[in-house]
Amino acid sequence: MSTPRWSSDNLQDHYEKRLRNDDRCWREILKIDRSMTQQEYEKASQEAYEKAALEYEAAYRDRWPAVYRVDKKTVLAIISRDKSRWITCYHRHYNGRHETGSATPKLENLIVFIDDVDALMDGKIETLYRIEPLKENLSKNQLKKYIGPNLMPVVNPLILEGFAHLYTTMIYPARSSFG
């Protein structure tokens, strides 16, 4: 798997922002009793990307479409759609602030995150292209259980019809008259 690269300016900007706004949070994530270094932030972002349990591709209002990967600590890695460059990485806080213990990796964190994405569908997310579990951290059945109708990705019906026709033609040639 190719990994995204931080531009030096973007890395510096986001590292400083995390220190300013989320120092206590990152101390808990990294299990350290001091402020993190830029190298630790870069390494933690890479780890969040590589160990992500869920990936989705979406266009938020007033932002370019991007790929979002979240791990069981709800550290969110945001990268370009071609997965070549970093946009940002942060720990997702609910209720506006970091809560002690929220960086402990667990399935419940993902469920809360999915609920939050579902809520964002009512205004902030313009298009959800896809959402899927990674590395069997969340099974397809669990994903189906927790994803409501708002989180069904937008799919062009003509594309679906084309796939269905291709499938029925290849698998069931006698039924190739789809429809």
C-alpha atoms as a PDB file:
ATOM      1  CA  MET A   1       0.000   0.000   0.000  1.00  0.00           C
ATOM      2  CA  SER A   2       1.430   3.367  -0.931  1.00  0.00           C
ATOM      3  CA  THR A   3       1.270   5.901   1.819  1.00  0.00           C
ATOM      4  CA  PRO A   4       0.405   9.579   1.578  1.00  0.00           C
ATOM      5  CA  ARG A   5       3.119  12.173   2.072  1.00  0.00           C
ATOM      6  CA  TRP A   6       2.976  15.335   4.160  1.00  0.00           C
ATOM      7  CA  SER A   7       4.235  18.530   2.563  1.00  0.00           C
ATOM      8  CA  SER A   8       6.621  20.175   5.039  1.00  0.00           C
ATOM      9  CA  ASP A   9       4.465  23.318   5.383  1.00  0.00           C
ATOM     10  CA  ASN A  10       1.238  21.379   5.865  1.00  0.00           C
ATOM     11  CA  LEU A  11       2.849  19.078   8.424  1.00  0.00           C
ATOM     12  CA  GLN A  12       4.230  22.054  10.354  1.00  0.00           C
ATOM     13  CA  ASP A  13       0.872  23.905  10.292  1.00  0.00           C
ATOM     14  CA  HIS A  14      -1.169  20.925  11.488  1.00  0.00           C
ATOM     15  CA  TYR A  15       1.371  19.869  14.086  1.00  0.00           C
ATOM     16  CA  GLU A  16       1.334  23.388  15.587  1.00  0.00           C
ATOM     17  CA  LYS A  17      -2.469  23.462  15.506  1.00  0.00           C
ATOM     18  CA  ARG A  18      -2.659  20.134  17.386  1.00  0.00           C
ATOM     19  CA  LEU A  19      -0.184  21.395  19.991  1.00  0.00           C
ATOM     20  CA  ARG A  20      -2.152  24.610  20.461  1.00  0.00           C
ATOM     21  CA  ASN A  21      -5.616  23.066  20.580  1.00  0.00           C
ATOM     22  CA  ASP A  22      -5.191  19.422  21.574  1.00  0.00           C
ATOM     23  CA  ASP A  23      -1.985  18.950  23.562  1.00  0.00           C
ATOM     24  CA  ARG A  24      -3.667  17.024  26.399  1.00  0.00           C
ATOM     25  CA  CYS A  25      -5.489  14.844  23.890  1.00  0.00           C
ATOM     26  CA  TRP A  26      -2.321  13.887  21.978  1.00  0.00           C
ATOM     27  CA  ARG A  27      -0.499  13.155  25.250  1.00  0.00           C
ATOM     28  CA  GLU A  28      -3.191  10.564  25.986  1.00  0.00           C
ATOM     29  CA  ILE A  29      -3.150   9.126  22.449  1.00  0.00           C
ATOM     30  CA  LEU A  30       0.634   8.774  22.458  1.00  0.00           C
ATOM     31  CA  LYS A  31       0.806   7.807  26.154  1.00  0.00           C
ATOM     32  CA  ILE A  32       3.400  10.464  26.962  1.00  0.00           C
ATOM     33  CA  ASP A  33       3.587  13.041  29.777  1.00  0.00           C
ATOM     34  CA  ARG A  34       4.965  15.894  27.673  1.00  0.00           C
ATOM     35  CA  SER A  35       4.021  17.658  24.469  1.00  0.00           C
ATOM     36  CA  MET A  36       4.562  15.573  21.349  1.00  0.00           C
ATOM     37  CA  THR A  37       7.260  16.324  18.808  1.00  0.00           C
ATOM     38  CA  GLN A  38       6.537  16.933  15.143  1.00  0.00           C
ATOM     39  CA  GLN A  39       8.037  13.526  14.338  1.00  0.00           C
ATOM     40  CA  GLU A  40       5.685  11.876  16.843  1.00  0.00           C
ATOM     41  CA  TYR A  41       2.714  13.615  15.249  1.00  0.00           C
ATOM     42  CA  GLU A  42       3.812  12.501  11.795  1.00  0.00           C
ATOM     43  CA  LYS A  43       4.324   8.927  13.005  1.00  0.00           C
ATOM     44  CA  ALA A  44       0.945   8.901  14.817  1.00  0.00           C
ATOM     45  CA  SER A  45      -0.831  10.164  11.703  1.00  0.00           C
ATOM     46  CA  GLN A  46       0.828   7.459   9.615  1.00  0.00           C
ATOM     47  CA  GLU A  47      -0.186   4.837  12.179  1.00  0.00           C
ATOM     48  CA  ALA A  48      -3.788   6.088  12.157  1.00  0.00           C
ATOM     49  CA  TYR A  49      -3.795   5.788   8.359  1.00  0.00           C
ATOM     50  CA  GLU A  50      -2.309   2.290   8.364  1.00  0.00           C
ATOM     51  CA  LYS A  51      -4.386   0.917  11.266  1.00  0.00           C
ATOM     52  CA  ALA A  52      -7.666   2.508  10.229  1.00  0.00           C
ATOM     53  CA  ALA A  53     -10.765   0.420  10.793  1.00  0.00           C
ATOM     54  CA  LEU A  54     -13.053   2.404   8.518  1.00  0.00           C
ATOM     55  CA  GLU A  55     -12.555   4.377   5.315  1.00  0.00           C
ATOM     56  CA  TYR A  56     -14.981   6.607   3.524  1.00  0.00           C
ATOM     57  CA  GLU A  57     -14.786   9.015   0.644  1.00  0.00           C
ATOM     58  CA  ALA A  58     -16.902  12.126   0.821  1.00  0.00           C
ATOM     59  CA  ALA A  59     -17.345  15.718  -0.210  1.00  0.00           C
ATOM     60  CA  TYR A  60     -18.110  18.019   2.697  1.00  0.00           C
ATOM     61  CA  ARG A  61     -19.694  21.385   2.070  1.00  0.00           C
ATOM     62  CA  ASP A  62     -17.026  23.977   1.156  1.00  0.00           C
ATOM     63  CA  ARG A  63     -14.266  21.324   0.832  1.00  0.00           C
ATOM     64  CA  TRP A  64     -12.836  19.217  -1.950  1.00  0.00           C
ATOM     65  CA  PRO A  65     -13.717  15.519  -1.884  1.00  0.00           C
ATOM     66  CA  ALA A  66     -11.239  13.511   0.173  1.00  0.00           C
ATOM     67  CA  VAL A  67     -10.607  10.100   1.701  1.00  0.00           C
ATOM     68  CA  TYR A  68     -11.215   9.800   5.443  1.00  0.00           C
ATOM     69  CA  ARG A  69      -9.741   6.964   7.508  1.00  0.00           C
ATOM     70  CA  VAL A  70     -10.561   6.504  11.164  1.00  0.00           C
ATOM     71  CA  ASP A  71      -9.103   4.091  13.695  1.00  0.00           C
ATOM     72  CA  LYS A  72     -10.704   2.677  16.838  1.00  0.00           C
ATOM     73  CA  LYS A  73      -9.349   5.615  18.861  1.00  0.00           C
ATOM     74  CA  THR A  74     -11.235   7.905  16.434  1.00  0.00           C
ATOM     75  CA  VAL A  75      -8.007   9.436  15.141  1.00  0.00           C
ATOM     76  CA  LEU A  76      -9.084  10.723  11.746  1.00  0.00           C
ATOM     77  CA  ALA A  77      -6.606  10.740   8.867  1.00  0.00           C
ATOM     78  CA  ILE A  78      -7.733  12.891   5.943  1.00  0.00           C
ATOM     79  CA  ILE A  79      -5.935  12.459   2.646  1.00  0.00           C
ATOM     80  CA  SER A  80      -6.339  13.369  -0.997  1.00  0.00           C
ATOM     81  CA  ARG A  81      -8.624  11.176  -3.105  1.00  0.00           C
ATOM     82  CA  ASP A  82      -5.647   9.678  -4.912  1.00  0.00           C
ATOM     83  CA  LYS A  83      -4.128   8.893  -1.480  1.00  0.00           C
ATOM     84  CA  SER A  84      -0.874  10.661  -2.337  1.00  0.00           C
ATOM     85  CA  ARG A  85      -0.880  13.564   0.135  1.00  0.00           C
ATOM     86  CA  TRP A  86      -1.973  14.396   3.644  1.00  0.00           C
ATOM     87  CA  ILE A  87      -4.621  17.005   4.304  1.00  0.00           C
ATOM     88  CA  THR A  88      -4.727  16.660   8.109  1.00  0.00           C
ATOM     89  CA  CYS A  89      -4.942  14.261  11.033  1.00  0.00           C
ATOM     90  CA  TYR A  90      -6.700  14.809  14.347  1.00  0.00           C
ATOM     91  CA  HIS A  91      -8.544  13.071  17.164  1.00  0.00           C
ATOM     92  CA  ARG A  92     -12.303  13.414  16.730  1.00  0.00           C
ATOM     93  CA  HIS A  93     -13.876  15.036  19.778  1.00  0.00           C
ATOM     94  CA  TYR A  94     -17.566  14.947  20.557  1.00  0.00           C
ATOM     95  CA  ASN A  95     -19.319  17.639  22.552  1.00  0.00           C
ATOM     96  CA  GLY A  96     -16.541  20.061  21.580  1.00  0.00           C
ATOM     97  CA  ARG A  97     -13.771  18.780  23.860  1.00  0.00           C
ATOM     98  CA  HIS A  98     -11.506  15.846  24.530  1.00  0.00           C
ATOM     99  CA  GLU A  99     -12.811  13.406  27.096  1.00  0.00           C
ATOM    100  CA  THR A 100     -10.291  11.403  29.114  1.00  0.00           C
ATOM    101  CA  GLY A 101     -10.396   7.754  28.049  1.00  0.00           C
ATOM    102  CA  SER A 102     -11.830   8.492  24.602  1.00  0.00           C
ATOM    103  CA  ALA A 103      -8.515   7.535  22.959  1.00  0.00           C
ATOM    104  CA  THR A 104      -8.783   3.924  24.147  1.00  0.00           C
ATOM    105  CA  PRO A 105      -9.209   1.763  21.018  1.00  0.00           C
ATOM    106  CA  LYS A 106     -12.623   0.088  20.992  1.00  0.00           C
ATOM    107  CA  LEU A 107     -15.498  -0.757  18.675  1.00  0.00           C
ATOM    108  CA  GLU A 108     -17.843   1.629  20.502  1.00  0.00           C
ATOM    109  CA  ASN A 109     -15.712   4.570  19.309  1.00  0.00           C
ATOM    110  CA  LEU A 110     -16.319   3.542  15.700  1.00  0.00           C
ATOM    111  CA  ILE A 111     -20.048   3.232  16.292  1.00  0.00           C
ATOM    112  CA  VAL A 112     -20.162   6.751  17.738  1.00  0.00           C
ATOM    113  CA  PHE A 113     -18.121   7.967  14.768  1.00  0.00           C
ATOM    114  CA  ILE A 114     -20.500   6.314  12.275  1.00  0.00           C
ATOM    115  CA  ASP A 115     -23.453   7.917  14.082  1.00  0.00           C
ATOM    116  CA  ASP A 116     -21.687  11.268  13.798  1.00  0.00           C
ATOM    117  CA  VAL A 117     -21.108  10.822  10.045  1.00  0.00           C
ATOM    118  CA  ASP A 118     -24.779   9.852   9.721  1.00  0.00           C
ATOM    119  CA  ALA A 119     -25.783  13.091  11.487  1.00  0.00           C
ATOM    120  CA  LEU A 120     -23.504  15.114   9.195  1.00  0.00           C
ATOM    121  CA  MET A 121     -25.417  13.817   6.173  1.00  0.00           C
ATOM    122  CA  ASP A 122     -28.131  16.316   7.074  1.00  0.00           C
ATOM    123  CA  GLY A 123     -26.044  19.314   6.111  1.00  0.00           C
ATOM    124  CA  LYS A 124     -22.262  19.130   6.171  1.00  0.00           C
ATOM    125  CA  ILE A 125     -21.594  16.159   3.890  1.00  0.00           C
ATOM    126  CA  GLU A 126     -22.786  16.870   0.364  1.00  0.00           C
ATOM    127  CA  THR A 127     -21.882  13.494  -1.162  1.00  0.00           C
ATOM    128  CA  LEU A 128     -20.816  10.213   0.374  1.00  0.00           C
ATOM    129  CA  TYR A 129     -19.125   8.193  -2.357  1.00  0.00           C
ATOM    130  CA  ARG A 130     -18.349   5.069  -0.348  1.00  0.00           C
ATOM    131  CA  ILE A 131     -17.888   3.787   3.191  1.00  0.00           C
ATOM    132  CA  GLU A 132     -16.233   0.485   4.050  1.00  0.00           C
ATOM    133  CA  PRO A 133     -14.468  -1.405   6.824  1.00  0.00           C
ATOM    134  CA  LEU A 134     -10.721  -2.009   6.555  1.00  0.00           C
ATOM    135  CA  LYS A 135      -8.625  -4.955   7.671  1.00  0.00           C
ATOM    136  CA  GLU A 136     -11.636  -6.749   9.116  1.00  0.00           C
ATOM    137  CA  ASN A 137     -11.703  -4.350  12.071  1.00  0.00           C
ATOM    138  CA  LEU A 138     -15.404  -3.975  11.432  1.00  0.00           C
ATOM    139  CA  SER A 139     -17.253  -6.726   9.585  1.00  0.00           C
ATOM    140  CA  LYS A 140     -19.582  -5.980   6.691  1.00  0.00           C
ATOM    141  CA  ASN A 141     -22.469  -7.190   8.897  1.00  0.00           C
ATOM    142  CA  GLN A 142     -21.515  -4.779  11.696  1.00  0.00           C
ATOM    143  CA  LEU A 143     -21.216  -1.992   9.148  1.00  0.00           C
ATOM    144  CA  LYS A 144     -24.688  -2.787   7.761  1.00  0.00           C
ATOM    145  CA  LYS A 145     -26.092  -2.853  11.295  1.00  0.00           C
ATOM    146  CA  TYR A 146     -24.780   0.598  12.181  1.00  0.00           C
ATOM    147  CA  ILE A 147     -25.128   2.414   8.880  1.00  0.00           C
ATOM    148  CA  GLY A 148     -28.510   4.017   8.418  1.00  0.00           C
ATOM    149  CA  PRO A 149     -30.173   4.913   5.103  1.00  0.00           C
ATOM    150  CA  ASN A 150     -28.450   8.325   5.058  1.00  0.00           C
ATOM    151  CA  LEU A 151     -25.089   6.610   4.746  1.00  0.00           C
ATOM    152  CA  MET A 152     -25.852   4.657   1.619  1.00  0.00           C
ATOM    153  CA  PRO A 153     -23.354   5.999  -0.919  1.00  0.00           C
ATOM    154  CA  VAL A 154     -24.700   7.828  -3.938  1.00  0.00           C
ATOM    155  CA  VAL A 155     -24.585   5.456  -6.902  1.00  0.00           C
ATOM    156  CA  ASN A 156     -25.675   6.212 -10.422  1.00  0.00           C
ATOM    157  CA  PRO A 157     -28.582   3.781 -11.158  1.00  0.00           C
ATOM    158  CA  LEU A 158     -27.375   3.356 -14.753  1.00  0.00           C
ATOM    159  CA  ILE A 159     -24.049   2.044 -13.456  1.00  0.00           C
ATOM    160  CA  LEU A 160     -25.873  -0.428 -11.208  1.00  0.00           C
ATOM    161  CA  GLU A 161     -28.031  -1.544 -14.117  1.00  0.00           C
ATOM    162  CA  GLY A 162     -24.900  -2.051 -16.218  1.00  0.00           C
ATOM    163  CA  PHE A 163     -23.289  -4.183 -13.503  1.00  0.00           C
ATOM    164  CA  ALA A 164     -26.463  -6.192 -13.075  1.00  0.00           C
ATOM    165  CA  HIS A 165     -26.627  -6.806 -16.833  1.00  0.00           C
ATOM    166  CA  LEU A 166     -22.966  -7.820 -16.942  1.00  0.00           C
ATOM    167  CA  TYR A 167     -23.454 -10.104 -13.933  1.00  0.00           C
ATOM    168  CA  THR A 168     -26.553 -11.813 -15.310  1.00  0.00           C
ATOM    169  CA  THR A 169     -24.971 -12.195 -18.743  1.00  0.00           C
ATOM    170  CA  MET A 170     -21.799 -13.760 -17.348  1.00  0.00           C
ATOM    171  CA  ILE A 171     -23.300 -15.880 -14.575  1.00  0.00           C
ATOM    172  CA  TYR A 172     -26.724 -16.680 -15.957  1.00  0.00           C
ATOM    173  CA  PRO A 173     -26.438 -16.451 -19.779  1.00  0.00           C
ATOM    174  CA  ALA A 174     -29.967 -17.788 -20.252  1.00  0.00           C
ATOM    175  CA  ARG A 175     -31.326 -14.767 -18.332  1.00  0.00           C
ATOM    176  CA  SER A 176     -29.311 -12.131 -20.169  1.00  0.00           C
ATOM    177  CA  SER A 177     -32.398 -10.048 -20.915  1.00  0.00           C
ATOM    178  CA  PHE A 178     -32.056  -8.031 -17.698  1.00  0.00           C
ATOM    179  CA  GLY A 179     -35.125  -6.063 -16.720  1.00  0.00           C
END
